[in-house]
């Protein structure tokens, strides 16, 4: 079954409406309202709202019992100013749908339209519009929501557009597909002093100067194998912006990245030991906190086999691909289902994800919808 021109036009218009009014992770209230309004037109049997924050799920039941199959997209945008000149560019200063979550959501609205025309023969389909993917908090919050127990899936599927891959082609593999990562926030505490008498205080400057290269030396990247470790210093702050005060406090932010969760445990331990030793040697207090915690994303072999069959049936070219350096919180669904994500090519010369001139290619909407709907038919009839 293919979307007709009206269904496809509605999805494109919806995608561009979301693009004009982006909302950040945890703030997707109006986006969720727009999604719920769009889904209501397709008469799902249930429409769940407020999942894990602002999440929305449309449930389409079949006449006969069977598997629960979930398809997930994302709601949130990025705190990046859009500079592209498309007519539907962001109208919210400093925020933009520069990762394609608006396009992923549009794909699921097409799936909803097609399910409204013809329900599967057995089981049920859940279309999940998930909040807060960019911070790594959304999937965990959805799964922890008591309402999720009623729609807990046997299979969970997702896609992400991928610039650099030929338009409409797919990368799909078993095993790890996205890295584990987390943001490490290091606070160092000394003692301020007058800038004319710095010896009266205790500055963290020297400790910070040593820590930043030492942290990056813990993980220098390279090939995405089992030993892969990467530490990227992303932000540093020393004291206050004042000429009369010698600094007494500082912060370093770093992103830690490994291929698998188990390796992350070792990298975290090494980084914390390094921070503690440097602080101790300098006589500084220190504290470590973590944000944007992503588990690694691993594709289940059975779920991958289902997607491969759907891609073949729909004539979509695909290749195994390699694991991706970026993180993705869809990995959380592996704990509750057989899950798999594929990467849908946005074009070899397309602006990269999170670039300020990125825009989702509308040509991908029918491709993603066809693959997902074929997956429904193969699993549920």
Protein backbone atom coordinates (compact mmCIF):
# COMPACT_ATOMS: atom_id res chain seq x y z
CA UNK A 1 0.00 0.00 0.00
CA UNK A 2 1.35 3.42 -0.98
CA UNK A 3 0.38 6.86 0.33
CA UNK A 4 -1.76 8.84 -2.10
CA UNK A 5 -0.94 12.39 -3.11
CA UNK A 6 -3.19 13.94 -0.46
CA UNK A 7 -1.66 11.85 2.35
CA UNK A 8 1.85 12.68 1.22
CA UNK A 9 1.06 16.38 0.83
CA UNK A 10 -0.46 16.44 4.32
CA UNK A 11 2.68 14.85 5.76
CA UNK A 12 4.98 17.35 4.03
CA UNK A 13 2.86 20.29 5.17
CA UNK A 14 2.86 18.89 8.71
CA UNK A 15 6.65 18.42 8.65
CA UNK A 16 7.18 22.00 7.56
CA UNK A 17 4.78 23.28 10.22
CA UNK A 18 6.81 21.50 12.89
CA UNK A 19 9.99 22.87 11.33
CA UNK A 20 8.79 26.47 11.70
CA UNK A 21 8.13 26.14 15.43
CA UNK A 22 10.88 23.97 16.99
CA UNK A 23 10.93 23.14 20.69
CA UNK A 24 13.85 21.84 22.71
CA UNK A 25 14.07 18.62 24.71
CA UNK A 26 11.52 18.54 27.51
CA UNK A 27 9.71 21.60 26.13
CA UNK A 28 7.77 19.94 23.29
CA UNK A 29 4.30 20.94 24.52
CA UNK A 30 3.07 22.64 21.33
CA UNK A 31 4.75 20.04 19.13
CA UNK A 32 2.93 17.28 21.02
CA UNK A 33 -0.37 19.16 20.61
CA UNK A 34 0.22 19.42 16.87
CA UNK A 35 1.06 15.71 16.66
CA UNK A 36 -2.03 14.69 18.62
CA UNK A 37 -4.21 16.84 16.39
CA UNK A 38 -2.75 15.30 13.25
CA UNK A 39 -3.13 11.75 14.57
CA UNK A 40 -6.74 12.26 15.66
CA UNK A 41 -7.71 12.58 12.01
CA UNK A 42 -6.55 9.01 11.43
CA UNK A 43 -8.82 7.55 14.13
CA UNK A 44 -6.43 5.48 16.25
CA UNK A 45 -8.09 3.18 18.76
CA UNK A 46 -6.23 4.95 21.55
CA UNK A 47 -4.26 8.16 21.72
CA UNK A 48 -1.95 8.34 24.74
CA UNK A 49 -0.54 11.70 25.76
CA UNK A 50 2.00 12.89 28.30
CA UNK A 51 4.21 9.78 28.01
CA UNK A 52 7.53 10.44 29.71
CA UNK A 53 6.83 14.15 29.54
CA UNK A 54 5.29 15.29 26.26
CA UNK A 55 5.31 11.94 24.45
CA UNK A 56 2.35 10.91 22.28
CA UNK A 57 1.43 7.37 21.18
CA UNK A 58 -1.25 6.30 18.70
CA UNK A 59 -2.43 2.69 19.07
CA UNK A 60 -4.02 0.84 16.15
CA UNK A 61 -5.61 -2.46 17.16
CA UNK A 62 -6.28 -5.45 14.90
CA UNK A 63 -9.28 -7.81 15.16
CA UNK A 64 -7.15 -10.77 16.26
CA UNK A 65 -4.60 -10.99 19.10
CA UNK A 66 -0.92 -10.95 18.21
CA UNK A 67 2.36 -9.11 18.59
CA UNK A 68 2.72 -5.48 19.59
CA UNK A 69 4.93 -3.63 17.11
CA UNK A 70 6.15 -0.13 17.98
CA UNK A 71 7.59 2.49 15.64
CA UNK A 72 9.29 5.43 17.27
CA UNK A 73 10.17 8.94 16.13
CA UNK A 74 11.28 12.04 18.02
CA UNK A 75 9.72 15.42 18.85
CA UNK A 76 12.58 17.66 19.93
CA UNK A 77 14.72 20.20 18.10
CA UNK A 78 18.16 21.68 18.81
CA UNK A 79 19.44 24.89 20.41
CA UNK A 80 21.05 25.96 17.12
CA UNK A 81 20.17 28.99 15.01
CA UNK A 82 19.02 27.97 11.53
CA UNK A 83 20.68 29.86 8.66
CA UNK A 84 19.07 28.08 5.68
CA UNK A 85 16.80 30.02 3.32
CA UNK A 86 13.94 27.52 2.95
CA UNK A 87 10.46 29.12 3.13
CA UNK A 88 9.61 27.02 6.19
CA UNK A 89 12.75 27.97 8.15
CA UNK A 90 12.55 28.24 11.92
CA UNK A 91 10.67 31.21 13.30
CA UNK A 92 12.11 30.69 16.79
CA UNK A 93 15.45 32.43 17.26
CA UNK A 94 18.24 30.11 18.34
CA UNK A 95 16.27 26.89 17.82
CA UNK A 96 15.93 24.62 14.82
CA UNK A 97 14.91 21.18 13.57
CA UNK A 98 18.43 20.54 12.35
CA UNK A 99 18.50 16.79 12.96
CA UNK A 100 15.41 15.77 11.00
CA UNK A 101 13.09 14.83 13.82
CA UNK A 102 10.35 16.78 12.05
CA UNK A 103 10.78 14.46 9.05
CA UNK A 104 10.78 11.32 11.16
CA UNK A 105 7.52 12.46 12.74
CA UNK A 106 6.02 13.11 9.30
CA UNK A 107 6.88 9.55 8.26
CA UNK A 108 4.86 8.15 11.16
CA UNK A 109 1.88 10.33 10.27
CA UNK A 110 1.86 8.67 6.83
CA UNK A 111 1.96 5.26 8.52
CA UNK A 112 -1.01 6.37 10.64
CA UNK A 113 -2.91 7.44 7.52
CA UNK A 114 -2.31 4.05 5.87
CA UNK A 115 -3.30 2.15 9.02
CA UNK A 116 -6.49 4.17 9.14
CA UNK A 117 -7.28 2.81 5.67
CA UNK A 118 -6.45 -0.78 6.59
CA UNK A 119 -5.72 -2.20 10.04
CA UNK A 120 -3.42 -5.23 10.32
CA UNK A 121 -5.06 -8.63 10.73
CA UNK A 122 -3.69 -9.34 14.20
CA UNK A 123 -1.85 -7.69 17.09
CA UNK A 124 -1.46 -3.94 17.34
CA UNK A 125 0.72 -1.12 16.08
CA UNK A 126 1.99 1.66 18.35
CA UNK A 127 3.27 4.88 16.78
CA UNK A 128 5.37 6.62 19.43
CA UNK A 129 6.36 10.28 19.16
CA UNK A 130 9.04 10.47 21.83
CA UNK A 131 10.27 13.58 23.65
CA UNK A 132 13.80 14.55 24.66
CA UNK A 133 15.92 12.35 22.42
CA UNK A 134 18.69 14.93 22.10
CA UNK A 135 19.44 14.85 25.83
CA UNK A 136 19.18 11.06 26.15
CA UNK A 137 16.39 11.41 28.72
CA UNK A 138 13.30 10.78 26.61
CA UNK A 139 13.33 7.04 25.95
CA UNK A 140 14.12 6.22 29.56
CA UNK A 141 11.30 8.49 30.76
CA UNK A 142 8.79 6.94 28.34
CA UNK A 143 9.71 3.39 29.35
CA UNK A 144 9.51 4.30 33.05
CA UNK A 145 6.06 5.88 32.62
CA UNK A 146 3.39 3.56 34.12
CA UNK A 147 1.25 4.08 31.00
CA UNK A 148 3.94 2.46 28.87
CA UNK A 149 3.23 -0.94 30.43
CA UNK A 150 -0.04 -1.08 28.47
CA UNK A 151 1.78 -0.73 25.13
CA UNK A 152 5.04 -2.55 25.90
CA UNK A 153 6.20 -3.86 22.50
CA UNK A 154 7.47 -7.21 21.27
CA UNK A 155 9.32 -5.37 18.50
CA UNK A 156 10.46 -1.74 18.31
CA UNK A 157 11.72 -0.06 15.14
CA UNK A 158 13.08 3.34 14.29
CA UNK A 159 14.99 5.15 11.57
CA UNK A 160 17.27 8.14 11.32
CA UNK A 161 18.08 10.08 8.21
CA UNK A 162 21.78 10.12 7.41
CA UNK A 163 23.51 12.73 5.24
CA UNK A 164 26.49 11.23 3.44
CA UNK A 165 24.55 8.12 2.44
CA UNK A 166 22.99 8.21 -1.06
CA UNK A 167 19.44 9.59 -1.07
CA UNK A 168 16.90 6.89 -0.26
CA UNK A 169 19.45 4.13 0.35
CA UNK A 170 19.70 2.41 3.73
CA UNK A 171 22.41 1.26 6.11
CA UNK A 172 21.32 -1.59 8.40
CA UNK A 173 23.40 -3.92 10.53
CA UNK A 174 23.15 -6.29 13.48
CA UNK A 175 24.92 -5.51 16.74
CA UNK A 176 26.03 -2.08 17.97
CA UNK A 177 24.93 0.81 15.77
CA UNK A 178 25.37 3.89 17.99
CA UNK A 179 27.91 4.64 20.68
CA UNK A 180 27.33 5.00 24.38
CA UNK A 181 28.08 8.51 25.57
CA UNK A 182 27.63 10.85 28.50
CA UNK A 183 28.42 14.42 29.41
CA UNK A 184 30.86 14.72 32.33
CA UNK A 185 30.66 17.99 34.26
CA UNK A 186 33.68 18.62 36.48
CA UNK A 187 33.62 21.38 39.10
CA UNK A 188 36.84 22.49 40.80
CA UNK A 189 36.70 24.65 43.93
CA UNK A 190 39.53 26.75 45.34
CA UNK A 191 39.49 30.26 46.84
CA UNK A 192 39.12 33.65 45.19
CA UNK A 193 41.45 36.55 45.87
CA UNK A 194 42.05 40.10 44.74
CA UNK A 195 43.66 40.10 41.31
CA UNK A 196 46.56 42.15 42.72
CA UNK A 197 47.25 39.45 45.34
CA UNK A 198 46.60 36.07 43.66
CA UNK A 199 48.77 34.26 46.19
CA UNK A 200 46.09 34.89 48.81
CA UNK A 201 43.73 32.62 46.90
CA UNK A 202 43.78 29.19 45.33
CA UNK A 203 43.16 29.16 41.59
CA UNK A 204 42.17 26.03 39.65
CA UNK A 205 43.83 27.42 36.51
CA UNK A 206 46.89 25.16 36.48
CA UNK A 207 44.87 22.08 37.38
CA UNK A 208 42.44 22.81 34.54
CA UNK A 209 45.30 23.35 32.11
CA UNK A 210 46.66 19.90 32.99
CA UNK A 211 43.30 18.16 33.16
CA UNK A 212 41.99 19.05 29.72
CA UNK A 213 44.74 17.38 27.69
CA UNK A 214 44.95 14.52 30.21
CA UNK A 215 41.22 13.81 29.81
CA UNK A 216 41.41 13.80 26.02
CA UNK A 217 44.40 11.46 26.22
CA UNK A 218 42.16 8.86 27.92
CA UNK A 219 40.31 8.39 24.64
CA UNK A 220 41.62 9.60 21.30
CA UNK A 221 39.02 7.96 19.05
CA UNK A 222 39.95 5.94 15.99
CA UNK A 223 38.16 2.95 14.51
CA UNK A 224 34.87 1.92 16.11
CA UNK A 225 35.98 -1.36 17.62
CA UNK A 226 35.59 -2.82 21.09
CA UNK A 227 38.54 -0.75 22.36
CA UNK A 228 37.18 2.56 21.02
CA UNK A 229 37.25 5.42 23.53
CA UNK A 230 36.87 9.12 22.84
CA UNK A 231 36.93 12.06 25.25
CA UNK A 232 36.05 15.48 23.85
CA UNK A 233 36.39 18.60 25.97
CA UNK A 234 33.38 20.70 24.98
CA UNK A 235 33.41 23.63 27.41
CA UNK A 236 35.54 25.22 30.12
CA UNK A 237 34.97 28.13 32.48
CA UNK A 238 37.47 29.73 34.86
CA UNK A 239 36.32 32.23 37.48
CA UNK A 240 34.12 35.19 36.70
CA UNK A 241 34.42 37.73 33.87
CA UNK A 242 36.07 40.38 36.08
CA UNK A 243 39.56 41.91 35.98
CA UNK A 244 39.73 42.49 39.72
CA UNK A 245 39.21 38.91 40.91
CA UNK A 246 41.67 36.01 40.78
CA UNK A 247 39.56 32.89 40.10
CA UNK A 248 38.62 30.43 42.81
CA UNK A 249 36.41 28.05 40.81
CA UNK A 250 36.32 26.44 37.42
CA UNK A 251 34.39 23.93 35.34
CA UNK A 252 35.28 21.53 32.58
CA UNK A 253 32.68 19.77 30.45
CA UNK A 254 33.69 16.69 28.50
CA UNK A 255 31.84 14.10 26.46
CA UNK A 256 32.88 10.48 27.02
CA UNK A 257 32.16 8.01 24.21
CA UNK A 258 32.60 4.25 23.79
CA UNK A 259 31.16 1.63 21.45
CA UNK A 260 29.45 -0.34 24.23
CA UNK A 261 28.10 0.36 27.70
CA UNK A 262 30.57 -1.99 29.40
CA UNK A 263 33.54 -0.02 28.08
CA UNK A 264 31.94 3.19 29.29
CA UNK A 265 32.16 1.97 32.88
CA UNK A 266 35.94 1.69 32.55
CA UNK A 267 36.30 5.09 30.90
CA UNK A 268 34.20 6.77 33.60
CA UNK A 269 36.33 5.19 36.33
CA UNK A 270 39.56 6.34 34.66
CA UNK A 271 38.27 9.89 34.17
CA UNK A 272 37.04 10.20 37.75
CA UNK A 273 40.34 8.89 39.09
CA UNK A 274 42.23 11.43 37.00
CA UNK A 275 40.07 14.32 38.23
CA UNK A 276 40.37 13.25 41.86
CA UNK A 277 44.16 12.90 41.66
CA UNK A 278 44.61 16.31 40.01
CA UNK A 279 42.31 18.03 42.50
CA UNK A 280 44.04 16.36 45.42
CA UNK A 281 47.48 17.40 44.19
CA UNK A 282 46.34 21.01 43.77
CA UNK A 283 44.50 21.17 47.08
CA UNK A 284 41.18 21.78 45.34
CA UNK A 285 37.71 20.52 46.10
CA UNK A 286 35.99 18.76 43.25
CA UNK A 287 32.65 17.33 42.19
CA UNK A 288 31.60 15.30 39.15
CA UNK A 289 28.10 15.09 37.67
CA UNK A 290 26.73 13.49 34.52
CA UNK A 291 24.17 14.69 31.98
CA UNK A 292 22.99 13.55 28.54
CA UNK A 293 23.55 9.88 29.38
CA UNK A 294 23.06 7.59 26.36
CA UNK A 295 23.33 3.81 26.43
CA UNK A 296 24.77 2.21 23.33
CA UNK A 297 22.22 1.25 20.68
CA UNK A 298 22.29 -2.39 19.56
CA UNK A 299 20.18 -3.96 16.83
CA UNK A 300 18.61 -7.33 17.60
CA UNK A 301 19.25 -9.96 14.87
CA UNK A 302 15.57 -10.92 14.59
CA UNK A 303 14.47 -7.30 14.24
CA UNK A 304 17.16 -6.69 11.63
CA UNK A 305 15.95 -9.71 9.65
CA UNK A 306 12.43 -8.27 9.63
CA UNK A 307 13.67 -4.91 8.34
CA UNK A 308 15.87 -6.51 5.68
CA UNK A 309 12.88 -8.45 4.35
CA UNK A 310 10.82 -5.24 4.25
CA UNK A 311 13.57 -3.33 2.44
CA UNK A 312 13.91 -6.10 -0.13
CA UNK A 313 10.16 -6.29 -0.67
CA UNK A 314 9.99 -2.52 -1.22
CA UNK A 315 13.02 -2.47 -3.51
CA UNK A 316 15.05 -0.19 -1.24
CA UNK A 317 18.79 -0.63 -1.69
CA UNK A 318 20.61 -1.38 1.55
CA UNK A 319 24.07 -2.19 2.83
CA UNK A 320 25.43 -3.34 6.21
CA UNK A 321 27.08 -0.05 7.08
CA UNK A 322 29.22 0.60 10.14
CA UNK A 323 28.43 1.68 13.72
CA UNK A 324 27.85 5.40 14.10
CA UNK A 325 29.91 7.69 16.33
CA UNK A 326 26.88 9.76 17.46
CA UNK A 327 24.63 8.46 20.23
CA UNK A 328 20.93 7.69 20.08
CA UNK A 329 18.60 6.99 22.99
CA UNK A 330 16.57 4.43 21.00
CA UNK A 331 19.01 1.91 22.52
CA UNK A 332 16.89 1.95 25.68
CA UNK A 333 14.16 0.02 23.87
CA UNK A 334 16.45 -3.00 23.57
CA UNK A 335 15.77 -3.67 27.26
CA UNK A 336 12.04 -4.14 26.62
CA UNK A 337 11.83 -5.49 23.06
CA UNK A 338 13.59 -6.86 20.02
CA UNK A 339 14.60 -3.55 18.49
CA UNK A 340 16.40 -2.24 15.44
CA UNK A 341 17.13 1.11 13.81
CA UNK A 342 18.14 1.75 10.22
CA UNK A 343 19.73 4.78 8.63
CA UNK A 344 18.04 6.33 5.60
CA UNK A 345 20.30 8.23 3.24
CA UNK A 346 19.68 11.98 2.94
CA UNK A 347 22.15 12.40 0.06
CA UNK A 348 25.92 12.35 -0.28
CA UNK A 349 26.20 16.15 -0.52
CA UNK A 350 23.42 17.05 1.92
CA UNK A 351 24.30 19.35 4.87
CA UNK A 352 25.23 17.23 7.87
CA UNK A 353 23.09 16.70 10.96
CA UNK A 354 23.19 19.58 13.46
CA UNK A 355 24.58 21.93 10.79
CA UNK A 356 22.77 25.30 10.82
CA UNK A 357 21.76 24.92 7.15
CA UNK A 358 20.38 21.36 7.43
CA UNK A 359 16.81 20.59 6.31
CA UNK A 360 15.15 17.16 6.12
CA UNK A 361 14.62 15.93 2.51
CA UNK A 362 10.88 15.46 1.98
CA UNK A 363 11.63 12.76 -0.62
CA UNK A 364 12.41 10.39 2.27
CA UNK A 365 8.91 10.52 3.76
CA UNK A 366 7.28 7.95 1.42
CA UNK A 367 10.36 5.70 1.54
CA UNK A 368 10.37 5.46 5.33
CA UNK A 369 6.60 5.01 5.47
CA UNK A 370 6.66 2.19 2.91
CA UNK A 371 9.35 0.28 4.82
CA UNK A 372 7.51 0.65 8.13
CA UNK A 373 4.17 -0.36 6.67
CA UNK A 374 5.72 -3.40 4.98
CA UNK A 375 7.16 -4.34 8.38
CA UNK A 376 3.63 -4.17 9.84
CA UNK A 377 2.21 -6.39 7.12
CA UNK A 378 5.04 -8.93 7.42
CA UNK A 379 4.68 -9.24 11.21
CA UNK A 380 0.94 -8.74 11.66
CA UNK A 381 -0.61 -9.60 8.30
